[in-house]
Amino acid sequence: MQRKADDTTTTVPVPDHDEIRVGTLQAIIRQSGLPRSAFEAE
C-alpha cells in the first residue's frame, strides 16, 4: 500500500500470510502513521 503526500510517498507492506510476526506487525503500524488502536479488533 502507498500513501502519497506533497513531496513524499509512504509505502507500507501488506504480508500475504495468515499470521505475521509481532515485529513485522509493529513495523507496519509504525510505518503507516496510524494509531495502534486502528489495528485492534473491536
PDB file of N, CA and C in Angstrom:
ATOM      1  N   MET A   1       0.838  -1.156   0.000  1.00  0.00           N
ATOM      2  CA  MET A   1       0.000   0.000   0.000  1.00  0.00           C
ATOM      3  C   MET A   1       0.889   1.227   0.000  1.00  0.00           C
ATOM      4  N   GLN A   2       0.439   2.257  -0.654  1.00  0.00           N
ATOM      5  CA  GLN A   2       1.192   3.507  -0.686  1.00  0.00           C
ATOM      6  C   GLN A   2       0.281   4.687  -0.400  1.00  0.00           C
ATOM      7  N   ARG A   3       0.863   5.664   0.284  1.00  0.00           N
ATOM      8  CA  ARG A   3       0.156   6.922   0.523  1.00  0.00           C
ATOM      9  C   ARG A   3       1.073   8.023   0.024  1.00  0.00           C
ATOM     10  N   LYS A   4       0.546   8.825  -0.888  1.00  0.00           N
ATOM     11  CA  LYS A   4       1.346   9.904  -1.445  1.00  0.00           C
ATOM     12  C   LYS A   4       0.872  11.223  -0.850  1.00  0.00           C
ATOM     13  N   ALA A   5       1.830  11.988  -0.374  1.00  0.00           N
ATOM     14  CA  ALA A   5       1.576  13.325   0.145  1.00  0.00           C
ATOM     15  C   ALA A   5       2.445  14.279  -0.655  1.00  0.00           C
ATOM     16  N   ASP A   6       2.330  15.535  -0.391  1.00  0.00           N
ATOM     17  CA  ASP A   6       3.003  16.587  -1.160  1.00  0.00           C
ATOM     18  C   ASP A   6       4.294  16.136  -1.829  1.00  0.00           C
ATOM     19  N   ASP A   7       5.329  15.925  -1.055  1.00  0.00           N
ATOM     20  CA  ASP A   7       6.622  15.567  -1.649  1.00  0.00           C
ATOM     21  C   ASP A   7       7.164  14.241  -1.147  1.00  0.00           C
ATOM     22  N   THR A   8       6.309  13.430  -0.527  1.00  0.00           N
ATOM     23  CA  THR A   8       6.749  12.134  -0.006  1.00  0.00           C
ATOM     24  C   THR A   8       5.766  11.031  -0.380  1.00  0.00           C
ATOM     25  N   THR A   9       6.267   9.828  -0.398  1.00  0.00           N
ATOM     26  CA  THR A   9       5.439   8.642  -0.592  1.00  0.00           C
ATOM     27  C   THR A   9       5.774   7.660   0.517  1.00  0.00           C
ATOM     28  N   THR A  10       4.754   7.214   1.230  1.00  0.00           N
ATOM     29  CA  THR A  10       4.941   6.233   2.293  1.00  0.00           C
ATOM     30  C   THR A  10       4.451   4.889   1.787  1.00  0.00           C
ATOM     31  N   THR A  11       5.329   3.887   1.814  1.00  0.00           N
ATOM     32  CA  THR A  11       4.978   2.540   1.381  1.00  0.00           C
ATOM     33  C   THR A  11       4.901   1.645   2.606  1.00  0.00           C
ATOM     34  N   VAL A  12       3.781   0.944   2.749  1.00  0.00           N
ATOM     35  CA  VAL A  12       3.579   0.020   3.865  1.00  0.00           C
ATOM     36  C   VAL A  12       3.339  -1.366   3.278  1.00  0.00           C
ATOM     37  N   PRO A  13       4.157  -2.357   3.671  1.00  0.00           N
ATOM     38  CA  PRO A  13       3.973  -3.707   3.146  1.00  0.00           C
ATOM     39  C   PRO A  13       2.708  -4.347   3.706  1.00  0.00           C
ATOM     40  N   VAL A  14       2.074  -5.168   2.893  1.00  0.00           N
ATOM     41  CA  VAL A  14       0.903  -5.925   3.331  1.00  0.00           C
ATOM     42  C   VAL A  14       1.228  -7.397   3.107  1.00  0.00           C
ATOM     43  N   PRO A  15       1.666  -8.098   4.159  1.00  0.00           N
ATOM     44  CA  PRO A  15       2.041  -9.504   4.016  1.00  0.00           C
ATOM     45  C   PRO A  15       0.852 -10.373   3.599  1.00  0.00           C
ATOM     46  N   ASP A  16       1.121 -11.358   2.789  1.00  0.00           N
ATOM     47  CA  ASP A  16       0.083 -12.288   2.337  1.00  0.00           C
ATOM     48  C   ASP A  16       0.229 -13.590   3.121  1.00  0.00           C
ATOM     49  N   HIS A  17       0.056 -13.499   4.447  1.00  0.00           N
ATOM     50  CA  HIS A  17       0.181 -14.646   5.330  1.00  0.00           C
ATOM     51  C   HIS A  17      -1.023 -14.682   6.259  1.00  0.00           C
ATOM     52  N   ASP A  18      -1.366 -15.865   6.730  1.00  0.00           N
ATOM     53  CA  ASP A  18      -2.429 -15.969   7.730  1.00  0.00           C
ATOM     54  C   ASP A  18      -1.991 -15.352   9.050  1.00  0.00           C
ATOM     55  N   GLU A  19      -0.713 -15.522   9.388  1.00  0.00           N
ATOM     56  CA  GLU A  19      -0.152 -14.954  10.612  1.00  0.00           C
ATOM     57  C   GLU A  19       1.161 -14.258  10.278  1.00  0.00           C
ATOM     58  N   ILE A  20       1.409 -13.165  10.965  1.00  0.00           N
ATOM     59  CA  ILE A  20       2.678 -12.473  10.776  1.00  0.00           C
ATOM     60  C   ILE A  20       3.342 -12.311  12.134  1.00  0.00           C
ATOM     61  N   ARG A  21       4.645 -12.121  12.129  1.00  0.00           N
ATOM     62  CA  ARG A  21       5.396 -11.962  13.373  1.00  0.00           C
ATOM     63  C   ARG A  21       5.050 -10.631  14.023  1.00  0.00           C
ATOM     64  N   VAL A  22       5.163 -10.595  15.336  1.00  0.00           N
ATOM     65  CA  VAL A  22       4.840  -9.398  16.103  1.00  0.00           C
ATOM     66  C   VAL A  22       5.675  -8.209  15.629  1.00  0.00           C
ATOM     67  N   GLY A  23       6.958  -8.421  15.431  1.00  0.00           N
ATOM     68  CA  GLY A  23       7.833  -7.339  14.995  1.00  0.00           C
ATOM     69  C   GLY A  23       7.436  -6.784  13.636  1.00  0.00           C
ATOM     70  N   THR A  24       6.986  -7.663  12.751  1.00  0.00           N
ATOM     71  CA  THR A  24       6.539  -7.228  11.426  1.00  0.00           C
ATOM     72  C   THR A  24       5.297  -6.366  11.557  1.00  0.00           C
ATOM     73  N   LEU A  25       4.360  -6.791  12.384  1.00  0.00           N
ATOM     74  CA  LEU A  25       3.140  -6.018  12.600  1.00  0.00           C
ATOM     75  C   LEU A  25       3.458  -4.663  13.218  1.00  0.00           C
ATOM     76  N   GLN A  26       4.351  -4.645  14.186  1.00  0.00           N
ATOM     77  CA  GLN A  26       4.732  -3.379  14.810  1.00  0.00           C
ATOM     78  C   GLN A  26       5.359  -2.429  13.789  1.00  0.00           C
ATOM     79  N   ALA A  27       6.181  -2.964  12.901  1.00  0.00           N
ATOM     80  CA  ALA A  27       6.809  -2.140  11.873  1.00  0.00           C
ATOM     81  C   ALA A  27       5.765  -1.586  10.908  1.00  0.00           C
ATOM     82  N   ILE A  28       4.797  -2.406  10.542  1.00  0.00           N
ATOM     83  CA  ILE A  28       3.734  -1.952   9.643  1.00  0.00           C
ATOM     84  C   ILE A  28       2.938  -0.826  10.294  1.00  0.00           C
ATOM     85  N   ILE A  29       2.599  -1.007  11.565  1.00  0.00           N
ATOM     86  CA  ILE A  29       1.842   0.022  12.289  1.00  0.00           C
ATOM     87  C   ILE A  29       2.653   1.305  12.359  1.00  0.00           C
ATOM     88  N   ARG A  30       3.918   1.202  12.695  1.00  0.00           N
ATOM     89  CA  ARG A  30       4.780   2.378  12.801  1.00  0.00           C
ATOM     90  C   ARG A  30       4.890   3.095  11.455  1.00  0.00           C
ATOM     91  N   GLN A  31       5.084   2.345  10.389  1.00  0.00           N
ATOM     92  CA  GLN A  31       5.244   2.940   9.069  1.00  0.00           C
ATOM     93  C   GLN A  31       3.958   3.552   8.545  1.00  0.00           C
ATOM     94  N   SER A  32       2.828   3.027   8.983  1.00  0.00           N
ATOM     95  CA  SER A  32       1.552   3.529   8.479  1.00  0.00           C
ATOM     96  C   SER A  32       1.238   4.922   9.000  1.00  0.00           C
ATOM     97  N   GLY A  33       1.779   5.259  10.165  1.00  0.00           N
ATOM     98  CA  GLY A  33       1.483   6.550  10.754  1.00  0.00           C
ATOM     99  C   GLY A  33       0.122   6.607  11.424  1.00  0.00           C
ATOM    100  N   LEU A  34      -0.562   5.478  11.479  1.00  0.00           N
ATOM    101  CA  LEU A  34      -1.872   5.402  12.119  1.00  0.00           C
ATOM    102  C   LEU A  34      -1.705   4.979  13.569  1.00  0.00           C
ATOM    103  N   PRO A  35      -2.681   5.290  14.430  1.00  0.00           N
ATOM    104  CA  PRO A  35      -2.594   4.850  15.814  1.00  0.00           C
ATOM    105  C   PRO A  35      -2.763   3.335  15.910  1.00  0.00           C
ATOM    106  N   ARG A  36      -2.136   2.764  16.912  1.00  0.00           N
ATOM    107  CA  ARG A  36      -2.209   1.311  17.120  1.00  0.00           C
ATOM    108  C   ARG A  36      -3.653   0.833  17.235  1.00  0.00           C
ATOM    109  N   SER A  37      -4.516   1.661  17.828  1.00  0.00           N
ATOM    110  CA  SER A  37      -5.910   1.281  18.015  1.00  0.00           C
ATOM    111  C   SER A  37      -6.634   1.021  16.685  1.00  0.00           C
ATOM    112  N   ALA A  38      -6.129   1.579  15.588  1.00  0.00           N
ATOM    113  CA  ALA A  38      -6.737   1.361  14.284  1.00  0.00           C
ATOM    114  C   ALA A  38      -6.549  -0.090  13.821  1.00  0.00           C
ATOM    115  N   PHE A  39      -5.610  -0.799  14.426  1.00  0.00           N
ATOM    116  CA  PHE A  39      -5.314  -2.175  14.037  1.00  0.00           C
ATOM    117  C   PHE A  39      -5.892  -3.193  15.010  1.00  0.00           C
ATOM    118  N   GLU A  40      -6.518  -2.748  16.070  1.00  0.00           N
ATOM    119  CA  GLU A  40      -7.054  -3.654  17.086  1.00  0.00           C
ATOM    120  C   GLU A  40      -8.490  -4.027  16.733  1.00  0.00           C
ATOM    121  N   ALA A  41      -8.831  -5.275  16.990  1.00  0.00           N
ATOM    122  CA  ALA A  41     -10.188  -5.759  16.733  1.00  0.00           C
ATOM    123  C   ALA A  41     -11.157  -5.095  17.690  1.00  0.00           C
ATOM    124  N   GLU A  42     -12.324  -4.813  17.200  1.00  0.00           N
ATOM    125  CA  GLU A  42     -13.338  -4.172  18.048  1.00  0.00           C
ATOM    126  C   GLU A  42     -14.238  -5.205  18.672  1.00  0.00           C
TER     127      GLU A  42
END
